[in-house]
N, C-alpha and C. Protein backbone atom coordinates (compact mmCIF):
# COMPACT_ATOMS: atom_id res chain seq x y z
N MET A 1 33.77 26.24 27.23
CA MET A 1 32.54 26.20 28.02
C MET A 1 31.73 24.97 27.59
N THR A 2 31.40 24.15 28.55
CA THR A 2 30.69 22.92 28.23
C THR A 2 29.19 23.15 28.25
N ASP A 3 28.49 22.36 27.44
CA ASP A 3 27.03 22.43 27.40
C ASP A 3 26.47 21.68 28.59
N SER A 4 25.73 22.39 29.45
CA SER A 4 25.18 21.77 30.65
C SER A 4 23.78 21.21 30.44
N THR A 5 23.26 21.28 29.18
CA THR A 5 21.92 20.79 28.92
C THR A 5 21.88 19.28 29.16
N PRO A 6 20.98 18.80 30.01
CA PRO A 6 20.94 17.37 30.30
C PRO A 6 20.50 16.58 29.06
N LEU A 7 21.14 15.43 28.86
CA LEU A 7 20.77 14.58 27.74
C LEU A 7 19.48 13.84 28.07
N ARG A 8 18.61 13.75 27.08
CA ARG A 8 17.37 13.01 27.27
C ARG A 8 17.60 11.53 26.99
N ASN A 9 17.03 10.71 27.83
CA ASN A 9 17.09 9.28 27.56
C ASN A 9 16.19 8.95 26.38
N PRO A 10 16.62 8.07 25.50
CA PRO A 10 15.77 7.70 24.37
C PRO A 10 14.50 7.01 24.87
N PRO A 11 13.39 7.20 24.17
CA PRO A 11 12.14 6.58 24.61
C PRO A 11 12.26 5.06 24.64
N ASP A 12 11.63 4.45 25.62
CA ASP A 12 11.59 3.00 25.71
C ASP A 12 10.28 2.53 25.08
N TYR A 13 10.36 2.20 23.80
CA TYR A 13 9.15 1.84 23.08
C TYR A 13 8.58 0.49 23.51
N THR A 14 9.36 -0.28 24.25
CA THR A 14 8.83 -1.56 24.73
C THR A 14 7.76 -1.36 25.80
N LEU A 15 7.59 -0.11 26.28
CA LEU A 15 6.52 0.19 27.22
C LEU A 15 5.19 0.41 26.52
N ASP A 16 5.22 0.55 25.20
CA ASP A 16 4.00 0.71 24.42
C ASP A 16 3.26 -0.63 24.38
N PRO A 17 2.01 -0.69 24.87
CA PRO A 17 1.28 -1.97 24.89
C PRO A 17 1.17 -2.63 23.51
N ASP A 18 1.06 -1.83 22.47
CA ASP A 18 0.98 -2.39 21.12
C ASP A 18 2.31 -3.01 20.70
N VAL A 19 3.41 -2.36 21.09
CA VAL A 19 4.72 -2.94 20.81
C VAL A 19 4.88 -4.26 21.56
N VAL A 20 4.40 -4.30 22.79
CA VAL A 20 4.45 -5.55 23.56
C VAL A 20 3.73 -6.66 22.80
N LEU A 21 2.55 -6.35 22.25
CA LEU A 21 1.81 -7.35 21.48
C LEU A 21 2.61 -7.80 20.26
N LEU A 22 3.25 -6.85 19.59
CA LEU A 22 3.99 -7.21 18.38
C LEU A 22 5.22 -8.06 18.73
N LEU A 23 5.85 -7.76 19.85
CA LEU A 23 7.00 -8.56 20.28
C LEU A 23 6.55 -9.98 20.65
N GLU A 24 5.35 -10.09 21.21
CA GLU A 24 4.80 -11.42 21.49
C GLU A 24 4.49 -12.15 20.19
N ALA A 25 3.98 -11.41 19.22
CA ALA A 25 3.71 -12.01 17.91
C ALA A 25 5.01 -12.48 17.26
N LYS A 26 6.06 -11.72 17.46
CA LYS A 26 7.38 -12.10 16.92
C LYS A 26 7.82 -13.44 17.48
N LYS A 27 7.43 -13.73 18.72
CA LYS A 27 7.78 -15.00 19.35
C LYS A 27 6.88 -16.15 18.90
N GLY A 28 5.87 -15.80 18.07
CA GLY A 28 4.99 -16.84 17.57
C GLY A 28 3.59 -16.83 18.14
N ASP A 29 3.27 -15.82 18.94
CA ASP A 29 1.93 -15.74 19.54
C ASP A 29 0.96 -15.12 18.53
N ARG A 30 0.22 -15.98 17.84
CA ARG A 30 -0.70 -15.51 16.81
C ARG A 30 -1.82 -14.65 17.38
N ALA A 31 -2.26 -14.95 18.60
CA ALA A 31 -3.34 -14.19 19.22
C ALA A 31 -2.96 -12.72 19.40
N SER A 32 -1.68 -12.47 19.68
CA SER A 32 -1.23 -11.09 19.86
C SER A 32 -1.32 -10.32 18.54
N PHE A 33 -0.92 -10.97 17.45
CA PHE A 33 -1.02 -10.30 16.16
C PHE A 33 -2.48 -10.05 15.80
N GLU A 34 -3.35 -11.02 16.08
CA GLU A 34 -4.76 -10.85 15.78
C GLU A 34 -5.38 -9.73 16.62
N ALA A 35 -4.87 -9.54 17.84
CA ALA A 35 -5.36 -8.44 18.67
C ALA A 35 -5.02 -7.09 18.04
N LEU A 36 -3.81 -6.97 17.49
CA LEU A 36 -3.43 -5.74 16.79
C LEU A 36 -4.27 -5.56 15.53
N LEU A 37 -4.53 -6.64 14.84
CA LEU A 37 -5.35 -6.57 13.64
C LEU A 37 -6.74 -6.06 13.97
N ARG A 38 -7.34 -6.59 15.03
CA ARG A 38 -8.68 -6.14 15.41
C ARG A 38 -8.67 -4.66 15.82
N LYS A 39 -7.63 -4.25 16.52
CA LYS A 39 -7.57 -2.87 17.01
C LYS A 39 -7.35 -1.87 15.89
N TYR A 40 -6.52 -2.22 14.91
CA TYR A 40 -6.09 -1.22 13.93
C TYR A 40 -6.68 -1.40 12.53
N PHE A 41 -7.33 -2.52 12.26
CA PHE A 41 -7.81 -2.73 10.90
C PHE A 41 -8.75 -1.62 10.44
N GLY A 42 -9.76 -1.32 11.26
CA GLY A 42 -10.71 -0.28 10.89
C GLY A 42 -10.08 1.09 10.79
N ARG A 43 -9.15 1.38 11.69
CA ARG A 43 -8.51 2.69 11.68
C ARG A 43 -7.64 2.87 10.44
N ILE A 44 -6.89 1.82 10.08
CA ILE A 44 -6.04 1.92 8.89
C ILE A 44 -6.89 1.95 7.63
N PHE A 45 -7.96 1.17 7.60
CA PHE A 45 -8.86 1.23 6.45
C PHE A 45 -9.43 2.63 6.28
N ASN A 46 -9.90 3.22 7.37
CA ASN A 46 -10.50 4.56 7.28
C ASN A 46 -9.47 5.60 6.85
N PHE A 47 -8.25 5.47 7.35
CA PHE A 47 -7.19 6.40 6.91
C PHE A 47 -6.98 6.26 5.41
N ASN A 48 -6.83 5.03 4.93
CA ASN A 48 -6.62 4.80 3.49
C ASN A 48 -7.80 5.31 2.68
N TYR A 49 -9.01 5.06 3.18
CA TYR A 49 -10.23 5.47 2.47
C TYR A 49 -10.31 6.99 2.36
N ARG A 50 -10.00 7.66 3.47
CA ARG A 50 -10.06 9.12 3.43
C ARG A 50 -8.96 9.70 2.55
N PHE A 51 -7.82 9.06 2.54
CA PHE A 51 -6.70 9.57 1.74
C PHE A 51 -6.95 9.36 0.26
N LEU A 52 -7.50 8.20 -0.11
CA LEU A 52 -7.62 7.83 -1.52
C LEU A 52 -9.04 7.95 -2.06
N GLY A 53 -10.04 7.80 -1.19
CA GLY A 53 -11.42 7.92 -1.64
C GLY A 53 -11.98 6.71 -2.34
N SER A 54 -11.24 5.62 -2.39
CA SER A 54 -11.71 4.41 -3.06
C SER A 54 -11.81 3.27 -2.06
N ARG A 55 -13.00 2.70 -1.92
CA ARG A 55 -13.21 1.59 -1.00
C ARG A 55 -12.35 0.40 -1.37
N GLU A 56 -12.34 0.06 -2.67
CA GLU A 56 -11.62 -1.13 -3.12
C GLU A 56 -10.11 -0.99 -2.90
N ILE A 57 -9.57 0.16 -3.29
CA ILE A 57 -8.13 0.37 -3.12
C ILE A 57 -7.77 0.45 -1.64
N ALA A 58 -8.62 1.11 -0.84
CA ALA A 58 -8.36 1.21 0.59
C ALA A 58 -8.32 -0.18 1.23
N GLU A 59 -9.23 -1.05 0.83
CA GLU A 59 -9.25 -2.40 1.37
C GLU A 59 -7.97 -3.15 0.99
N ASP A 60 -7.58 -3.04 -0.28
CA ASP A 60 -6.36 -3.72 -0.74
C ASP A 60 -5.13 -3.22 0.02
N LEU A 61 -5.03 -1.90 0.18
CA LEU A 61 -3.86 -1.34 0.86
C LEU A 61 -3.86 -1.68 2.35
N THR A 62 -5.03 -1.78 2.95
CA THR A 62 -5.09 -2.17 4.36
C THR A 62 -4.56 -3.59 4.53
N GLN A 63 -4.96 -4.47 3.63
CA GLN A 63 -4.42 -5.83 3.68
C GLN A 63 -2.90 -5.81 3.50
N GLU A 64 -2.42 -4.95 2.60
CA GLU A 64 -0.98 -4.87 2.34
C GLU A 64 -0.23 -4.32 3.55
N VAL A 65 -0.83 -3.36 4.25
CA VAL A 65 -0.19 -2.82 5.46
C VAL A 65 0.06 -3.94 6.47
N PHE A 66 -0.96 -4.73 6.75
CA PHE A 66 -0.82 -5.77 7.76
C PHE A 66 0.06 -6.92 7.26
N LEU A 67 0.08 -7.14 5.95
CA LEU A 67 0.99 -8.13 5.41
C LEU A 67 2.43 -7.70 5.62
N ARG A 68 2.70 -6.41 5.42
CA ARG A 68 4.05 -5.91 5.64
C ARG A 68 4.46 -5.98 7.11
N VAL A 69 3.51 -5.67 7.99
CA VAL A 69 3.80 -5.80 9.42
C VAL A 69 4.13 -7.24 9.75
N TYR A 70 3.33 -8.17 9.24
CA TYR A 70 3.55 -9.59 9.52
C TYR A 70 4.90 -10.07 8.98
N ARG A 71 5.23 -9.66 7.77
CA ARG A 71 6.49 -10.09 7.17
C ARG A 71 7.70 -9.51 7.88
N SER A 72 7.49 -8.40 8.58
CA SER A 72 8.61 -7.75 9.28
C SER A 72 8.91 -8.39 10.63
N LEU A 73 8.04 -9.29 11.09
CA LEU A 73 8.17 -9.83 12.43
C LEU A 73 9.55 -10.43 12.73
N PRO A 74 10.13 -11.24 11.84
CA PRO A 74 11.41 -11.86 12.19
C PRO A 74 12.52 -10.86 12.51
N SER A 75 12.51 -9.70 11.86
CA SER A 75 13.58 -8.72 12.07
C SER A 75 13.12 -7.51 12.88
N TYR A 76 11.90 -7.54 13.40
CA TYR A 76 11.33 -6.36 14.06
C TYR A 76 12.11 -5.97 15.30
N GLN A 77 12.42 -4.66 15.38
CA GLN A 77 12.98 -4.04 16.57
C GLN A 77 12.21 -2.75 16.83
N PRO A 78 11.70 -2.55 18.03
CA PRO A 78 10.88 -1.36 18.31
C PRO A 78 11.69 -0.07 18.26
N GLN A 79 11.46 0.74 17.25
CA GLN A 79 12.14 2.03 17.10
C GLN A 79 11.15 3.19 17.08
N ALA A 80 9.88 2.88 17.32
CA ALA A 80 8.83 3.89 17.37
C ALA A 80 7.61 3.25 18.00
N LYS A 81 6.64 4.06 18.40
CA LYS A 81 5.37 3.50 18.84
C LYS A 81 4.76 2.72 17.68
N PHE A 82 4.04 1.66 18.00
CA PHE A 82 3.44 0.86 16.95
C PHE A 82 2.48 1.69 16.10
N GLN A 83 1.70 2.53 16.76
CA GLN A 83 0.74 3.36 16.03
C GLN A 83 1.45 4.24 15.01
N THR A 84 2.53 4.88 15.40
CA THR A 84 3.30 5.72 14.49
C THR A 84 3.82 4.90 13.31
N TRP A 85 4.34 3.74 13.61
CA TRP A 85 4.93 2.88 12.58
C TRP A 85 3.89 2.43 11.56
N ILE A 86 2.72 1.98 12.04
CA ILE A 86 1.74 1.43 11.11
C ILE A 86 1.10 2.54 10.27
N TYR A 87 0.91 3.72 10.85
CA TYR A 87 0.38 4.83 10.05
C TYR A 87 1.42 5.29 9.01
N THR A 88 2.69 5.20 9.35
CA THR A 88 3.73 5.54 8.38
C THR A 88 3.71 4.58 7.21
N ILE A 89 3.55 3.29 7.48
CA ILE A 89 3.43 2.30 6.40
C ILE A 89 2.23 2.62 5.53
N ALA A 90 1.08 2.89 6.17
CA ALA A 90 -0.14 3.19 5.42
C ALA A 90 0.03 4.44 4.56
N ARG A 91 0.62 5.47 5.14
CA ARG A 91 0.82 6.73 4.40
C ARG A 91 1.71 6.50 3.18
N ASN A 92 2.79 5.76 3.35
CA ASN A 92 3.70 5.53 2.23
C ASN A 92 3.02 4.75 1.11
N LEU A 93 2.20 3.76 1.47
CA LEU A 93 1.47 3.00 0.45
C LEU A 93 0.45 3.89 -0.27
N CYS A 94 -0.21 4.76 0.49
CA CYS A 94 -1.18 5.69 -0.13
C CYS A 94 -0.48 6.64 -1.10
N LEU A 95 0.67 7.16 -0.70
CA LEU A 95 1.41 8.08 -1.57
C LEU A 95 1.85 7.37 -2.85
N ASN A 96 2.29 6.12 -2.71
CA ASN A 96 2.66 5.36 -3.90
C ASN A 96 1.48 5.17 -4.83
N GLU A 97 0.31 4.91 -4.24
CA GLU A 97 -0.90 4.72 -5.05
C GLU A 97 -1.30 6.00 -5.76
N VAL A 98 -1.21 7.13 -5.05
CA VAL A 98 -1.56 8.41 -5.65
C VAL A 98 -0.63 8.71 -6.84
N ARG A 99 0.63 8.41 -6.68
CA ARG A 99 1.58 8.71 -7.75
C ARG A 99 1.41 7.78 -8.94
N LYS A 100 0.90 6.58 -8.69
CA LYS A 100 0.63 5.65 -9.79
C LYS A 100 -0.67 6.00 -10.51
N ASN A 101 -1.68 6.40 -9.73
CA ASN A 101 -3.00 6.67 -10.28
C ASN A 101 -3.47 8.04 -9.86
N LYS A 102 -3.37 9.00 -10.73
CA LYS A 102 -3.81 10.35 -10.41
C LYS A 102 -5.33 10.43 -10.34
N GLN A 103 -6.02 9.57 -11.08
CA GLN A 103 -7.48 9.58 -11.06
C GLN A 103 -7.95 8.69 -9.93
N ARG A 104 -8.76 9.23 -9.03
CA ARG A 104 -9.24 8.47 -7.90
C ARG A 104 -10.75 8.47 -7.86
N PHE A 105 -11.32 7.45 -7.26
CA PHE A 105 -12.76 7.30 -7.17
C PHE A 105 -13.15 7.27 -5.71
N PHE A 106 -14.37 7.73 -5.42
CA PHE A 106 -14.81 7.65 -4.03
C PHE A 106 -16.30 7.42 -3.95
N SER A 107 -16.72 6.82 -2.86
CA SER A 107 -18.12 6.57 -2.58
C SER A 107 -18.41 7.10 -1.20
N LEU A 108 -19.61 7.65 -1.02
CA LEU A 108 -19.96 8.20 0.28
C LEU A 108 -20.62 7.17 1.18
N GLU A 109 -21.04 6.05 0.65
CA GLU A 109 -21.86 5.13 1.43
C GLU A 109 -21.30 3.73 1.52
N ASP A 110 -20.24 3.42 0.81
CA ASP A 110 -19.72 2.06 0.82
C ASP A 110 -19.31 1.65 2.23
N ALA A 111 -19.48 0.38 2.52
CA ALA A 111 -19.04 -0.18 3.80
C ALA A 111 -18.19 -1.40 3.51
N LEU A 112 -17.23 -1.63 4.36
CA LEU A 112 -16.32 -2.76 4.18
C LEU A 112 -16.71 -3.87 5.12
N GLU A 113 -16.86 -5.08 4.58
CA GLU A 113 -17.12 -6.25 5.40
C GLU A 113 -15.79 -6.85 5.82
N SER A 114 -15.52 -6.86 7.11
CA SER A 114 -14.31 -7.48 7.63
C SER A 114 -14.71 -8.54 8.63
N GLN A 115 -13.75 -9.29 9.13
CA GLN A 115 -14.06 -10.32 10.11
C GLN A 115 -14.51 -9.71 11.43
N ASP A 116 -14.29 -8.42 11.60
CA ASP A 116 -14.74 -7.74 12.82
C ASP A 116 -16.08 -7.06 12.62
N GLY A 117 -16.70 -7.27 11.46
CA GLY A 117 -17.99 -6.63 11.19
C GLY A 117 -17.86 -5.57 10.13
N GLU A 118 -18.92 -4.82 9.95
CA GLU A 118 -18.98 -3.83 8.89
C GLU A 118 -18.30 -2.54 9.32
N ILE A 119 -17.47 -2.02 8.44
CA ILE A 119 -16.81 -0.73 8.68
C ILE A 119 -17.50 0.29 7.81
N LYS A 120 -18.18 1.22 8.41
CA LYS A 120 -18.98 2.18 7.66
C LYS A 120 -18.11 3.21 6.97
N GLY A 121 -18.58 3.69 5.80
CA GLY A 121 -17.95 4.84 5.17
C GLY A 121 -18.12 6.05 6.07
N GLN A 122 -17.21 6.98 5.99
CA GLN A 122 -17.19 8.08 6.94
C GLN A 122 -17.74 9.38 6.38
N PHE A 123 -18.35 9.32 5.20
CA PHE A 123 -18.86 10.54 4.60
C PHE A 123 -20.37 10.45 4.48
N GLY A 124 -21.00 11.60 4.26
CA GLY A 124 -22.44 11.63 4.20
C GLY A 124 -22.99 12.02 5.56
N ASP A 125 -24.34 12.12 5.66
CA ASP A 125 -24.98 12.60 6.88
C ASP A 125 -26.02 11.58 7.32
N PRO A 126 -25.67 10.61 8.17
CA PRO A 126 -26.60 9.58 8.55
C PRO A 126 -27.76 10.07 9.39
N SER A 127 -27.66 11.30 9.95
CA SER A 127 -28.73 11.82 10.79
C SER A 127 -29.69 12.73 10.02
N ALA A 128 -29.57 12.76 8.69
CA ALA A 128 -30.43 13.63 7.89
C ALA A 128 -31.89 13.27 8.12
N ALA A 129 -32.74 14.29 8.28
CA ALA A 129 -34.13 14.07 8.65
C ALA A 129 -35.00 13.68 7.46
N ASN A 130 -34.60 14.06 6.25
CA ASN A 130 -35.41 13.73 5.08
C ASN A 130 -34.49 13.61 3.87
N PRO A 131 -35.02 13.05 2.74
CA PRO A 131 -34.16 12.84 1.56
C PRO A 131 -33.49 14.11 1.06
N SER A 132 -34.20 15.24 1.13
CA SER A 132 -33.61 16.48 0.65
C SER A 132 -32.40 16.87 1.47
N GLU A 133 -32.52 16.77 2.80
CA GLU A 133 -31.39 17.09 3.67
C GLU A 133 -30.26 16.08 3.48
N GLU A 134 -30.63 14.82 3.27
CA GLU A 134 -29.61 13.80 3.06
C GLU A 134 -28.82 14.09 1.79
N LEU A 135 -29.53 14.48 0.72
CA LEU A 135 -28.86 14.80 -0.54
C LEU A 135 -27.94 15.99 -0.36
N GLN A 136 -28.41 17.01 0.35
CA GLN A 136 -27.57 18.19 0.58
C GLN A 136 -26.33 17.81 1.38
N GLY A 137 -26.51 16.91 2.38
CA GLY A 137 -25.37 16.45 3.17
C GLY A 137 -24.35 15.74 2.30
N LYS A 138 -24.84 14.93 1.36
CA LYS A 138 -23.92 14.21 0.47
C LYS A 138 -23.20 15.18 -0.45
N GLU A 139 -23.92 16.18 -0.94
CA GLU A 139 -23.28 17.17 -1.81
C GLU A 139 -22.18 17.91 -1.06
N GLN A 140 -22.45 18.27 0.19
CA GLN A 140 -21.43 18.93 1.00
C GLN A 140 -20.26 17.99 1.26
N GLY A 141 -20.59 16.70 1.49
CA GLY A 141 -19.54 15.71 1.69
C GLY A 141 -18.62 15.61 0.50
N ILE A 142 -19.20 15.66 -0.71
CA ILE A 142 -18.40 15.61 -1.93
C ILE A 142 -17.48 16.81 -2.02
N LEU A 143 -18.02 18.00 -1.71
CA LEU A 143 -17.21 19.21 -1.78
C LEU A 143 -16.07 19.18 -0.75
N ILE A 144 -16.38 18.69 0.45
CA ILE A 144 -15.34 18.58 1.47
C ILE A 144 -14.28 17.58 1.03
N ARG A 145 -14.74 16.45 0.47
CA ARG A 145 -13.81 15.43 -0.01
C ARG A 145 -12.88 16.00 -1.08
N GLN A 146 -13.46 16.76 -2.02
CA GLN A 146 -12.65 17.34 -3.09
C GLN A 146 -11.68 18.37 -2.54
N ALA A 147 -12.13 19.15 -1.55
CA ALA A 147 -11.25 20.17 -0.96
C ALA A 147 -10.07 19.51 -0.24
N VAL A 148 -10.35 18.46 0.53
CA VAL A 148 -9.26 17.76 1.23
C VAL A 148 -8.33 17.11 0.23
N ASP A 149 -8.90 16.51 -0.84
CA ASP A 149 -8.08 15.88 -1.87
C ASP A 149 -7.13 16.85 -2.54
N SER A 150 -7.54 18.11 -2.63
CA SER A 150 -6.74 19.10 -3.34
C SER A 150 -5.55 19.61 -2.52
N LEU A 151 -5.52 19.27 -1.23
CA LEU A 151 -4.41 19.72 -0.38
C LEU A 151 -3.12 19.01 -0.77
N PRO A 152 -1.98 19.65 -0.58
CA PRO A 152 -0.70 18.95 -0.76
C PRO A 152 -0.64 17.73 0.14
N GLU A 153 0.17 16.75 -0.24
CA GLU A 153 0.16 15.45 0.43
C GLU A 153 0.38 15.54 1.93
N ASN A 154 1.37 16.30 2.38
CA ASN A 154 1.65 16.38 3.81
C ASN A 154 0.54 17.08 4.58
N GLN A 155 -0.05 18.12 3.97
CA GLN A 155 -1.17 18.78 4.61
C GLN A 155 -2.36 17.84 4.73
N ARG A 156 -2.65 17.11 3.66
CA ARG A 156 -3.77 16.16 3.67
C ARG A 156 -3.56 15.09 4.74
N THR A 157 -2.34 14.56 4.82
CA THR A 157 -2.05 13.55 5.83
C THR A 157 -2.25 14.11 7.23
N ALA A 158 -1.73 15.30 7.48
CA ALA A 158 -1.85 15.91 8.80
C ALA A 158 -3.31 16.14 9.19
N VAL A 159 -4.11 16.61 8.25
CA VAL A 159 -5.53 16.85 8.52
C VAL A 159 -6.24 15.54 8.86
N ILE A 160 -6.01 14.51 8.07
CA ILE A 160 -6.67 13.22 8.31
C ILE A 160 -6.26 12.65 9.66
N LEU A 161 -4.95 12.70 9.96
CA LEU A 161 -4.47 12.13 11.21
C LEU A 161 -4.98 12.89 12.43
N GLN A 162 -5.09 14.21 12.31
CA GLN A 162 -5.56 14.98 13.46
C GLN A 162 -7.07 14.93 13.60
N ARG A 163 -7.77 15.27 12.53
CA ARG A 163 -9.22 15.45 12.63
C ARG A 163 -9.97 14.13 12.73
N TYR A 164 -9.55 13.15 11.95
CA TYR A 164 -10.31 11.90 11.88
C TYR A 164 -9.71 10.77 12.70
N GLU A 165 -8.39 10.74 12.82
CA GLU A 165 -7.75 9.65 13.56
C GLU A 165 -7.41 10.03 14.99
N GLY A 166 -7.48 11.33 15.31
CA GLY A 166 -7.29 11.77 16.68
C GLY A 166 -5.86 11.72 17.19
N LEU A 167 -4.88 11.77 16.28
CA LEU A 167 -3.48 11.74 16.71
C LEU A 167 -3.05 13.11 17.24
N SER A 168 -2.11 13.09 18.16
CA SER A 168 -1.56 14.33 18.73
C SER A 168 -0.54 14.94 17.77
N TYR A 169 -0.13 16.17 18.06
CA TYR A 169 0.91 16.81 17.25
C TYR A 169 2.18 15.96 17.24
N ASP A 170 2.55 15.46 18.43
CA ASP A 170 3.77 14.65 18.51
C ASP A 170 3.65 13.39 17.64
N GLU A 171 2.49 12.74 17.68
CA GLU A 171 2.29 11.51 16.92
C GLU A 171 2.28 11.78 15.42
N ILE A 172 1.67 12.89 15.02
CA ILE A 172 1.67 13.26 13.60
C ILE A 172 3.09 13.58 13.15
N ALA A 173 3.83 14.30 13.98
CA ALA A 173 5.21 14.65 13.64
C ALA A 173 6.04 13.39 13.45
N ALA A 174 5.87 12.40 14.34
CA ALA A 174 6.61 11.15 14.21
C ALA A 174 6.24 10.42 12.93
N THR A 175 4.96 10.44 12.58
CA THR A 175 4.50 9.76 11.36
C THR A 175 5.04 10.42 10.11
N LEU A 176 5.06 11.75 10.11
CA LEU A 176 5.53 12.50 8.94
C LEU A 176 7.05 12.67 8.92
N GLY A 177 7.69 12.39 10.05
CA GLY A 177 9.14 12.58 10.11
C GLY A 177 9.54 14.03 10.12
N CYS A 178 8.77 14.86 10.84
CA CYS A 178 9.09 16.29 10.91
C CYS A 178 8.90 16.75 12.36
N SER A 179 9.09 18.05 12.59
CA SER A 179 8.97 18.60 13.94
C SER A 179 7.51 18.96 14.25
N VAL A 180 7.22 19.14 15.53
CA VAL A 180 5.89 19.56 15.94
C VAL A 180 5.54 20.94 15.37
N PRO A 181 6.45 21.94 15.41
CA PRO A 181 6.13 23.21 14.76
C PRO A 181 5.80 23.06 13.29
N ALA A 182 6.48 22.15 12.61
CA ALA A 182 6.18 21.93 11.18
C ALA A 182 4.78 21.37 11.01
N VAL A 183 4.36 20.48 11.91
CA VAL A 183 3.00 19.94 11.86
C VAL A 183 1.98 21.05 12.06
N LYS A 184 2.22 21.91 13.04
CA LYS A 184 1.29 23.02 13.30
C LYS A 184 1.20 23.93 12.09
N SER A 185 2.33 24.15 11.43
CA SER A 185 2.34 24.98 10.23
C SER A 185 1.54 24.32 9.11
N LEU A 186 1.71 23.01 8.94
CA LEU A 186 0.95 22.28 7.92
C LEU A 186 -0.54 22.40 8.17
N LEU A 187 -0.95 22.21 9.42
CA LEU A 187 -2.37 22.26 9.75
C LEU A 187 -2.94 23.66 9.59
N ASN A 188 -2.16 24.67 9.95
CA ASN A 188 -2.63 26.05 9.78
C ASN A 188 -2.82 26.39 8.30
N ARG A 189 -1.87 25.97 7.47
CA ARG A 189 -2.00 26.24 6.03
C ARG A 189 -3.18 25.47 5.43
N ALA A 190 -3.36 24.23 5.90
CA ALA A 190 -4.48 23.43 5.42
C ALA A 190 -5.81 24.06 5.82
N LYS A 191 -5.88 24.55 7.06
CA LYS A 191 -7.10 25.19 7.55
C LYS A 191 -7.47 26.41 6.71
N GLU A 192 -6.48 27.23 6.41
CA GLU A 192 -6.73 28.42 5.60
C GLU A 192 -7.17 28.03 4.19
N SER A 193 -6.53 27.02 3.63
CA SER A 193 -6.88 26.58 2.28
C SER A 193 -8.29 26.02 2.24
N LEU A 194 -8.65 25.20 3.22
CA LEU A 194 -9.99 24.62 3.26
C LEU A 194 -11.05 25.69 3.50
N ARG A 195 -10.74 26.66 4.35
CA ARG A 195 -11.69 27.74 4.59
C ARG A 195 -12.01 28.48 3.30
N THR A 196 -10.98 28.73 2.50
CA THR A 196 -11.18 29.42 1.22
C THR A 196 -11.99 28.58 0.25
N LYS A 197 -11.62 27.29 0.13
CA LYS A 197 -12.27 26.41 -0.83
C LYS A 197 -13.72 26.13 -0.47
N LEU A 198 -14.03 26.11 0.82
CA LEU A 198 -15.37 25.72 1.29
C LEU A 198 -16.19 26.92 1.73
N ALA A 199 -15.77 28.12 1.34
CA ALA A 199 -16.43 29.34 1.82
C ALA A 199 -17.93 29.35 1.52
N GLY A 200 -18.34 28.79 0.38
CA GLY A 200 -19.74 28.84 -0.01
C GLY A 200 -20.53 27.60 0.29
N VAL A 201 -19.93 26.62 0.94
CA VAL A 201 -20.61 25.32 1.11
C VAL A 201 -21.84 25.44 1.97
N ARG A 202 -21.78 26.22 3.06
CA ARG A 202 -22.90 26.29 4.00
C ARG A 202 -23.83 27.49 3.76
N LYS A 203 -23.60 28.22 2.70
CA LYS A 203 -24.43 29.40 2.46
C LYS A 203 -25.87 29.03 2.07
N LYS A 204 -26.06 27.75 1.65
CA LYS A 204 -27.41 27.31 1.27
C LYS A 204 -28.24 26.91 2.47
N ASP A 205 -27.62 26.79 3.66
CA ASP A 205 -28.34 26.33 4.86
C ASP A 205 -29.41 27.34 5.25
């Protein structure tokens, strides 16, 4: 008995506008590479910052991510969406950094000066009405930061990519190299863990 399930055609990643830009960059079009840099620099910095909590290290790793993309141009072949590929590079560099340095530092207010302008830190409460509320917001930010930091690596990555970077289940699965059900399981476990760890955070409100 033969399997009648129709075969799926492999995705044509050359239809991804970001891949198109990278292929143009491969041909020597510097403006195309700079367009990708402008589009993704802040996003990759914020991912690194949320994962590691250090402005300085996040900036260094963001530069390294784009350096690796640039160095890959001569041999580049589109085998994934550009967004998936670049987040995978960033994640791997962050994991290497975590394994090298277990002690991490973070700031709630640091901003990064880039050629595209200032990239604000993503923690704290900029809408706080008075210093007391602002301080409480920062304290809660610290607790949330510590709770997210305590998650296993894959859970932490999935939370950051979904909640802060806005990636879909499919995109997270491609970045992590797992199935969509596995991503949903990671996020569910992370949600339960964070709920437990942060149970008392808002009781002072």
